[in-house]
Amino acid sequence: MSSSNDHNRRAHKRVLVANSTTVAHDGDRYRARILNISAGGAGIRMDVRLEDQTRIAVDIENIGLVPATVVRQMKDGVGVKFELSVEKEKRFLRQISQIVAEKRGAIAEQAV
């Protein structure tokens, strides 16, 4: 069960998205959908069940494969924590911020 305390403990702001992706695990690739994303992790909907602590790679648009670890189970997928060095996390945060800004711009244009 998620609470406001769980939300307040997050180190990075999450952004709701609905991007198709693939998840790589043990040489297999699975179709999935990123539901929300931040510099620290993502919520991913997928048909395949992966256990907590499973190491995977998530293919993120305009970024490539990002290593991650499953940290929680969701109704239709998993929550993952990205496994990045400090330098890679800084670069990743800039890239995610750019993607978010582009999406917000596209939404604003559609509203006009």
N, C-alpha and C. Protein backbone atom coordinates (compact mmCIF):
# COMPACT_ATOMS: atom_id res chain seq x y z
N MET A 1 0.84 -1.17 0.00
CA MET A 1 0.00 0.00 0.00
C MET A 1 0.89 1.23 0.00
N SER A 2 0.61 2.17 -0.88
CA SER A 2 1.38 3.40 -0.97
C SER A 2 0.78 4.46 -0.06
N SER A 3 1.63 5.21 0.57
CA SER A 3 1.15 6.28 1.44
C SER A 3 1.84 7.57 1.07
N SER A 4 1.38 8.67 1.66
CA SER A 4 2.01 9.95 1.39
C SER A 4 3.45 9.94 1.89
N ASN A 5 3.76 9.15 2.91
CA ASN A 5 5.13 9.05 3.40
C ASN A 5 6.03 8.43 2.34
N ASP A 6 5.53 7.40 1.62
CA ASP A 6 6.31 6.80 0.55
C ASP A 6 6.62 7.85 -0.51
N HIS A 7 5.63 8.62 -0.87
CA HIS A 7 5.80 9.65 -1.89
C HIS A 7 6.81 10.70 -1.42
N ASN A 8 6.73 11.11 -0.17
CA ASN A 8 7.60 12.15 0.36
C ASN A 8 9.05 11.68 0.47
N ARG A 9 9.29 10.39 0.56
CA ARG A 9 10.64 9.86 0.68
C ARG A 9 11.37 9.81 -0.65
N ARG A 10 10.69 10.00 -1.75
CA ARG A 10 11.33 9.91 -3.05
C ARG A 10 12.38 11.00 -3.20
N ALA A 11 13.54 10.61 -3.73
CA ALA A 11 14.63 11.57 -3.92
C ALA A 11 14.43 12.39 -5.19
N HIS A 12 13.66 11.86 -6.14
CA HIS A 12 13.47 12.53 -7.42
C HIS A 12 11.99 12.60 -7.76
N LYS A 13 11.58 13.70 -8.37
CA LYS A 13 10.20 13.86 -8.79
C LYS A 13 9.89 12.89 -9.91
N ARG A 14 8.75 12.20 -9.79
CA ARG A 14 8.31 11.28 -10.84
C ARG A 14 7.41 12.01 -11.81
N VAL A 15 7.51 11.62 -13.07
CA VAL A 15 6.70 12.19 -14.13
C VAL A 15 5.89 11.07 -14.75
N LEU A 16 4.57 11.29 -14.90
CA LEU A 16 3.72 10.29 -15.53
C LEU A 16 3.96 10.31 -17.03
N VAL A 17 4.18 9.13 -17.59
CA VAL A 17 4.37 8.97 -19.03
C VAL A 17 3.63 7.71 -19.44
N ALA A 18 3.63 7.41 -20.70
CA ALA A 18 3.05 6.16 -21.19
C ALA A 18 3.85 5.72 -22.40
N ASN A 19 5.16 5.54 -22.19
CA ASN A 19 6.05 5.21 -23.29
C ASN A 19 6.26 3.70 -23.42
N SER A 20 6.15 3.21 -24.65
CA SER A 20 6.48 1.82 -24.92
C SER A 20 7.98 1.64 -24.73
N THR A 21 8.37 0.46 -24.29
CA THR A 21 9.77 0.17 -24.07
C THR A 21 10.00 -1.33 -24.17
N THR A 22 11.24 -1.72 -24.05
CA THR A 22 11.56 -3.13 -23.88
C THR A 22 12.42 -3.26 -22.62
N VAL A 23 12.27 -4.41 -21.97
CA VAL A 23 13.05 -4.72 -20.78
C VAL A 23 13.88 -5.95 -21.11
N ALA A 24 15.18 -5.86 -20.86
CA ALA A 24 16.09 -6.97 -21.13
C ALA A 24 16.43 -7.67 -19.82
N HIS A 25 16.35 -9.02 -19.85
CA HIS A 25 16.68 -9.82 -18.67
C HIS A 25 17.17 -11.19 -19.12
N ASP A 26 18.36 -11.57 -18.69
CA ASP A 26 18.94 -12.88 -18.99
C ASP A 26 18.88 -13.23 -20.48
N GLY A 27 19.19 -12.28 -21.34
CA GLY A 27 19.22 -12.54 -22.77
C GLY A 27 17.87 -12.46 -23.47
N ASP A 28 16.80 -12.29 -22.71
CA ASP A 28 15.46 -12.15 -23.29
C ASP A 28 15.05 -10.67 -23.28
N ARG A 29 14.16 -10.31 -24.19
CA ARG A 29 13.63 -8.95 -24.23
C ARG A 29 12.11 -9.04 -24.16
N TYR A 30 11.51 -8.19 -23.32
CA TYR A 30 10.06 -8.19 -23.11
C TYR A 30 9.49 -6.82 -23.44
N ARG A 31 8.34 -6.81 -24.10
CA ARG A 31 7.65 -5.54 -24.34
C ARG A 31 7.05 -5.06 -23.05
N ALA A 32 7.11 -3.74 -22.85
CA ALA A 32 6.60 -3.15 -21.61
C ALA A 32 6.20 -1.71 -21.87
N ARG A 33 5.69 -1.06 -20.82
CA ARG A 33 5.30 0.35 -20.92
C ARG A 33 5.77 1.05 -19.65
N ILE A 34 6.52 2.14 -19.83
CA ILE A 34 6.94 2.95 -18.69
C ILE A 34 5.75 3.81 -18.29
N LEU A 35 5.29 3.66 -17.04
CA LEU A 35 4.13 4.40 -16.55
C LEU A 35 4.54 5.72 -15.91
N ASN A 36 5.66 5.70 -15.19
CA ASN A 36 6.20 6.91 -14.58
C ASN A 36 7.71 6.75 -14.50
N ILE A 37 8.40 7.89 -14.48
CA ILE A 37 9.85 7.83 -14.49
C ILE A 37 10.43 9.00 -13.73
N SER A 38 11.58 8.78 -13.13
CA SER A 38 12.35 9.84 -12.48
C SER A 38 13.82 9.50 -12.70
N ALA A 39 14.70 10.34 -12.20
CA ALA A 39 16.12 10.04 -12.32
C ALA A 39 16.50 8.81 -11.50
N GLY A 40 15.69 8.46 -10.50
CA GLY A 40 16.02 7.34 -9.64
C GLY A 40 15.41 6.01 -10.03
N GLY A 41 14.33 6.02 -10.82
CA GLY A 41 13.69 4.76 -11.16
C GLY A 41 12.44 4.96 -11.99
N ALA A 42 11.65 3.90 -12.11
CA ALA A 42 10.45 3.95 -12.95
C ALA A 42 9.45 2.91 -12.51
N GLY A 43 8.20 3.15 -12.85
CA GLY A 43 7.14 2.16 -12.74
C GLY A 43 6.92 1.60 -14.13
N ILE A 44 6.95 0.29 -14.26
CA ILE A 44 6.88 -0.34 -15.58
C ILE A 44 5.78 -1.39 -15.59
N ARG A 45 4.86 -1.27 -16.55
CA ARG A 45 3.83 -2.29 -16.73
C ARG A 45 4.34 -3.32 -17.73
N MET A 46 4.23 -4.58 -17.35
CA MET A 46 4.65 -5.66 -18.24
C MET A 46 3.93 -6.94 -17.86
N ASP A 47 3.82 -7.84 -18.82
CA ASP A 47 3.12 -9.09 -18.59
C ASP A 47 3.97 -10.10 -17.83
N VAL A 48 5.27 -10.01 -17.95
CA VAL A 48 6.18 -10.96 -17.30
C VAL A 48 6.39 -10.53 -15.85
N ARG A 49 6.33 -11.49 -14.94
CA ARG A 49 6.57 -11.21 -13.52
C ARG A 49 8.05 -11.42 -13.22
N LEU A 50 8.67 -10.41 -12.66
CA LEU A 50 10.07 -10.49 -12.26
C LEU A 50 10.13 -10.30 -10.75
N GLU A 51 10.92 -11.12 -10.09
CA GLU A 51 11.04 -11.06 -8.64
C GLU A 51 11.81 -9.81 -8.21
N ASP A 52 11.55 -9.36 -6.98
CA ASP A 52 12.33 -8.27 -6.40
C ASP A 52 13.81 -8.64 -6.44
N GLN A 53 14.65 -7.64 -6.62
CA GLN A 53 16.11 -7.76 -6.71
C GLN A 53 16.60 -8.34 -8.04
N THR A 54 15.69 -8.55 -9.00
CA THR A 54 16.08 -9.00 -10.33
C THR A 54 16.77 -7.85 -11.06
N ARG A 55 17.92 -8.11 -11.64
CA ARG A 55 18.64 -7.09 -12.41
C ARG A 55 18.17 -7.14 -13.85
N ILE A 56 17.83 -5.96 -14.38
CA ILE A 56 17.32 -5.84 -15.74
C ILE A 56 17.97 -4.63 -16.40
N ALA A 57 17.64 -4.41 -17.67
CA ALA A 57 18.00 -3.18 -18.37
C ALA A 57 16.74 -2.68 -19.05
N VAL A 58 16.46 -1.39 -18.91
CA VAL A 58 15.27 -0.77 -19.49
C VAL A 58 15.70 0.10 -20.65
N ASP A 59 15.10 -0.10 -21.81
CA ASP A 59 15.42 0.71 -23.00
C ASP A 59 14.59 1.99 -22.93
N ILE A 60 15.27 3.10 -22.68
CA ILE A 60 14.58 4.38 -22.53
C ILE A 60 14.82 5.23 -23.77
N GLU A 61 13.71 5.74 -24.33
CA GLU A 61 13.73 6.55 -25.54
C GLU A 61 14.79 7.65 -25.46
N ASN A 62 15.58 7.78 -26.51
CA ASN A 62 16.63 8.80 -26.65
C ASN A 62 17.78 8.63 -25.66
N ILE A 63 17.80 7.54 -24.90
CA ILE A 63 18.86 7.34 -23.92
C ILE A 63 19.54 6.00 -24.14
N GLY A 64 18.77 4.94 -24.34
CA GLY A 64 19.33 3.61 -24.52
C GLY A 64 19.03 2.72 -23.33
N LEU A 65 19.79 1.63 -23.22
CA LEU A 65 19.59 0.67 -22.15
C LEU A 65 20.15 1.21 -20.84
N VAL A 66 19.30 1.21 -19.81
CA VAL A 66 19.69 1.69 -18.49
C VAL A 66 19.58 0.53 -17.51
N PRO A 67 20.66 0.19 -16.81
CA PRO A 67 20.60 -0.90 -15.84
C PRO A 67 19.70 -0.54 -14.66
N ALA A 68 18.96 -1.52 -14.18
CA ALA A 68 18.02 -1.28 -13.07
C ALA A 68 17.83 -2.56 -12.27
N THR A 69 17.27 -2.40 -11.08
CA THR A 69 16.94 -3.52 -10.21
C THR A 69 15.47 -3.41 -9.82
N VAL A 70 14.74 -4.52 -9.90
CA VAL A 70 13.35 -4.55 -9.46
C VAL A 70 13.33 -4.36 -7.94
N VAL A 71 12.57 -3.36 -7.48
CA VAL A 71 12.52 -3.08 -6.04
C VAL A 71 11.13 -3.25 -5.44
N ARG A 72 10.09 -3.34 -6.29
CA ARG A 72 8.75 -3.56 -5.74
C ARG A 72 7.83 -4.12 -6.82
N GLN A 73 6.79 -4.78 -6.35
CA GLN A 73 5.78 -5.35 -7.24
C GLN A 73 4.59 -4.40 -7.33
N MET A 74 4.03 -4.29 -8.51
CA MET A 74 2.80 -3.53 -8.72
C MET A 74 1.76 -4.48 -9.31
N LYS A 75 0.53 -4.03 -9.37
CA LYS A 75 -0.55 -4.88 -9.88
C LYS A 75 -0.21 -5.46 -11.26
N ASP A 76 0.24 -4.62 -12.17
CA ASP A 76 0.52 -5.07 -13.54
C ASP A 76 1.96 -4.87 -13.95
N GLY A 77 2.87 -4.91 -12.99
CA GLY A 77 4.26 -4.70 -13.37
C GLY A 77 5.17 -4.57 -12.16
N VAL A 78 6.20 -3.75 -12.32
CA VAL A 78 7.21 -3.62 -11.28
C VAL A 78 7.67 -2.17 -11.14
N GLY A 79 8.23 -1.87 -9.98
CA GLY A 79 8.94 -0.63 -9.76
C GLY A 79 10.41 -0.95 -9.79
N VAL A 80 11.19 -0.13 -10.49
CA VAL A 80 12.62 -0.38 -10.59
C VAL A 80 13.42 0.82 -10.11
N LYS A 81 14.61 0.53 -9.63
CA LYS A 81 15.57 1.55 -9.25
C LYS A 81 16.70 1.48 -10.25
N PHE A 82 17.01 2.64 -10.87
CA PHE A 82 18.11 2.66 -11.83
C PHE A 82 19.43 2.52 -11.09
N GLU A 83 20.36 1.77 -11.68
CA GLU A 83 21.68 1.53 -11.10
C GLU A 83 22.71 2.31 -11.90
N LEU A 84 22.97 3.54 -11.47
CA LEU A 84 23.86 4.42 -12.21
C LEU A 84 24.95 4.98 -11.31
N SER A 85 26.13 5.21 -11.90
CA SER A 85 27.18 5.90 -11.16
C SER A 85 26.72 7.35 -10.96
N VAL A 86 27.39 8.07 -10.08
CA VAL A 86 27.01 9.46 -9.81
C VAL A 86 27.07 10.29 -11.09
N GLU A 87 28.12 10.14 -11.87
CA GLU A 87 28.26 10.91 -13.11
C GLU A 87 27.17 10.54 -14.11
N LYS A 88 26.92 9.24 -14.28
CA LYS A 88 25.87 8.81 -15.21
C LYS A 88 24.51 9.28 -14.73
N GLU A 89 24.28 9.29 -13.41
CA GLU A 89 23.00 9.76 -12.88
C GLU A 89 22.79 11.24 -13.20
N LYS A 90 23.84 12.05 -13.10
CA LYS A 90 23.73 13.47 -13.44
C LYS A 90 23.37 13.66 -14.90
N ARG A 91 24.05 12.91 -15.78
CA ARG A 91 23.77 13.00 -17.21
C ARG A 91 22.35 12.49 -17.50
N PHE A 92 21.97 11.41 -16.86
CA PHE A 92 20.63 10.84 -17.03
C PHE A 92 19.56 11.82 -16.58
N LEU A 93 19.80 12.51 -15.46
CA LEU A 93 18.85 13.49 -14.96
C LEU A 93 18.66 14.62 -15.97
N ARG A 94 19.75 15.07 -16.58
CA ARG A 94 19.64 16.12 -17.61
C ARG A 94 18.82 15.61 -18.80
N GLN A 95 19.07 14.38 -19.22
CA GLN A 95 18.34 13.82 -20.37
C GLN A 95 16.86 13.64 -20.04
N ILE A 96 16.56 13.13 -18.86
CA ILE A 96 15.15 12.95 -18.46
C ILE A 96 14.47 14.31 -18.39
N SER A 97 15.13 15.31 -17.84
CA SER A 97 14.55 16.65 -17.74
C SER A 97 14.24 17.20 -19.13
N GLN A 98 15.12 16.95 -20.09
CA GLN A 98 14.89 17.41 -21.45
C GLN A 98 13.68 16.70 -22.07
N ILE A 99 13.57 15.40 -21.87
CA ILE A 99 12.43 14.64 -22.40
C ILE A 99 11.13 15.16 -21.79
N VAL A 100 11.13 15.41 -20.49
CA VAL A 100 9.94 15.92 -19.81
C VAL A 100 9.56 17.28 -20.37
N ALA A 101 10.54 18.16 -20.56
CA ALA A 101 10.27 19.49 -21.10
C ALA A 101 9.68 19.40 -22.50
N GLU A 102 10.21 18.49 -23.31
CA GLU A 102 9.68 18.31 -24.67
C GLU A 102 8.24 17.81 -24.63
N LYS A 103 7.95 16.86 -23.73
CA LYS A 103 6.59 16.34 -23.62
C LYS A 103 5.63 17.43 -23.16
N ARG A 104 6.05 18.23 -22.17
CA ARG A 104 5.21 19.31 -21.70
C ARG A 104 4.94 20.32 -22.81
N GLY A 105 5.96 20.61 -23.62
CA GLY A 105 5.79 21.53 -24.74
C GLY A 105 4.80 20.99 -25.76
N ALA A 106 4.87 19.69 -26.05
CA ALA A 106 3.94 19.07 -27.00
C ALA A 106 2.52 19.12 -26.47
N ILE A 107 2.35 18.89 -25.17
CA ILE A 107 1.02 18.94 -24.57
C ILE A 107 0.47 20.36 -24.62
N ALA A 108 1.32 21.34 -24.33
CA ALA A 108 0.89 22.73 -24.35
C ALA A 108 0.47 23.14 -25.76
N GLU A 109 1.21 22.69 -26.78
CA GLU A 109 0.87 23.00 -28.17
C GLU A 109 -0.48 22.39 -28.55
N GLN A 110 -0.76 21.18 -28.07
CA GLN A 110 -2.03 20.52 -28.37
C GLN A 110 -3.20 21.26 -27.74
N ALA A 111 -2.97 21.90 -26.61
CA ALA A 111 -4.04 22.60 -25.90
C ALA A 111 -4.43 23.91 -26.56
N VAL A 112 -3.53 24.42 -27.43
CA VAL A 112 -3.80 25.71 -28.08
C VAL A 112 -4.75 25.55 -29.22
